[in-house]
Amino acid sequence: MVPADNNAAEQAIRGFCIGKANWHMIDTINGAKASAVIYSIAETAKANNLKPYNYFEYLLTEIPKHQEDTSLDFMKELLPWSESLPKECLKTVVNK
């Protein structure tokens, strides 16, 4: 079933839109692309009930361990929907 409104999408980009006043310092295409990647990872983490800070910390400690790998298969374990993510990355869900 498709919702009749787009409130979820609007809520997801609210922080992104509020932060745009700070983007005057991004004065290159590469800087804009890097910011887009970071925002995309953060919002995808939130959408998958992860703590974005903890998820970024996990990615930044795990990815360097695989610099010598010739295969990118390890990336499957790092995806935000992977069941092998550490518990520190997961938001605690409170049942009401």
Protein backbone atom coordinates (compact mmCIF):
# COMPACT_ATOMS: atom_id res chain seq x y z
CA MET A 1 0.00 0.00 0.00
CA VAL A 2 1.35 3.41 -0.94
CA PRO A 3 0.82 6.22 1.60
CA ALA A 4 -1.24 9.20 0.43
CA ASP A 5 1.39 11.67 1.63
CA ASN A 6 5.17 11.95 1.60
CA ASN A 7 5.68 12.84 5.27
CA ALA A 8 8.33 10.14 5.73
CA ALA A 9 10.40 11.55 2.86
CA GLU A 10 10.00 15.10 4.14
CA GLN A 11 11.06 14.09 7.65
CA ALA A 12 14.09 12.24 6.27
CA ILE A 13 15.44 15.31 4.46
CA ARG A 14 14.55 17.92 7.10
CA GLY A 15 18.03 17.91 8.67
CA PHE A 16 19.58 17.98 5.23
CA CYS A 17 17.56 21.07 4.27
CA ILE A 18 18.22 22.87 7.54
CA GLY A 19 21.94 22.29 7.10
CA LYS A 20 22.09 23.84 3.64
CA ALA A 21 22.87 27.28 5.10
CA ASN A 22 26.21 25.82 6.19
CA TRP A 23 27.10 24.64 2.69
CA HIS A 24 28.74 27.87 1.61
CA MET A 25 32.03 26.24 2.55
CA ILE A 26 31.48 23.49 -0.04
CA ASP A 27 32.90 25.27 -3.03
CA THR A 28 33.89 22.36 -5.26
CA ILE A 29 32.05 19.64 -7.14
CA ASN A 30 34.07 16.98 -5.31
CA GLY A 31 33.12 18.50 -1.95
CA ALA A 32 29.46 18.45 -2.94
CA LYS A 33 29.71 14.82 -4.08
CA ALA A 34 31.41 13.81 -0.83
CA SER A 35 28.69 15.55 1.20
CA ALA A 36 25.99 13.80 -0.82
CA VAL A 37 27.58 10.41 -0.14
CA ILE A 38 27.81 11.11 3.59
CA TYR A 39 24.21 12.32 3.81
CA SER A 40 23.04 9.29 1.82
CA ILE A 41 24.83 6.85 4.12
CA ALA A 42 23.50 8.62 7.22
CA GLU A 43 19.89 8.65 6.01
CA THR A 44 20.08 5.02 4.87
CA ALA A 45 21.41 4.10 8.31
CA LYS A 46 18.49 5.91 9.96
CA ALA A 47 16.00 4.22 7.62
CA ASN A 48 17.42 0.85 8.72
CA ASN A 49 17.13 1.67 12.46
CA LEU A 50 20.85 2.19 12.95
CA LYS A 51 22.66 4.82 14.99
CA PRO A 52 24.41 6.82 12.25
CA TYR A 53 27.45 7.81 14.36
CA ASN A 54 28.07 4.24 15.49
CA TYR A 55 27.54 2.96 11.96
CA PHE A 56 30.06 5.43 10.51
CA GLU A 57 32.53 4.52 13.25
CA TYR A 58 32.10 0.84 12.40
CA LEU A 59 32.56 1.46 8.66
CA LEU A 60 35.67 3.57 9.22
CA THR A 61 37.28 0.88 11.35
CA GLU A 62 36.30 -2.11 9.19
CA ILE A 63 36.93 -0.86 5.65
CA PRO A 64 40.67 -0.17 6.20
CA LYS A 65 41.11 -3.79 7.31
CA HIS A 66 40.28 -4.86 3.74
CA GLN A 67 42.54 -2.55 1.74
CA GLU A 68 44.59 -5.46 0.46
CA ASP A 69 41.55 -7.55 -0.52
CA THR A 70 41.12 -8.27 -4.21
CA SER A 71 37.41 -8.96 -3.74
CA LEU A 72 34.70 -6.61 -2.48
CA ASP A 73 32.62 -9.45 -1.01
CA PHE A 74 33.28 -8.13 2.51
CA MET A 75 31.08 -5.11 1.66
CA LYS A 76 27.92 -7.25 1.96
CA GLU A 77 28.57 -7.55 5.70
CA LEU A 78 28.83 -3.75 6.03
CA LEU A 79 25.53 -2.84 4.40
CA PRO A 80 23.02 -1.15 6.72
CA TRP A 81 20.59 -4.07 6.45
CA SER A 82 23.23 -6.71 7.20
CA GLU A 83 22.32 -8.96 10.10
CA SER A 84 25.99 -9.20 11.08
CA LEU A 85 26.36 -5.56 12.17
CA PRO A 86 27.45 -5.10 15.78
CA LYS A 87 24.77 -4.38 18.36
CA GLU A 88 26.33 -0.95 19.03
CA CYS A 89 25.08 0.16 15.62
CA LEU A 90 21.47 -0.86 16.24
CA LYS A 91 18.87 1.46 17.72
CA THR A 92 17.02 0.05 20.69
CA VAL A 93 13.38 -0.45 19.80
CA VAL A 94 10.94 0.17 22.63
CA ASN A 95 7.67 -1.74 22.40
CA LYS A 96 4.59 0.17 23.56
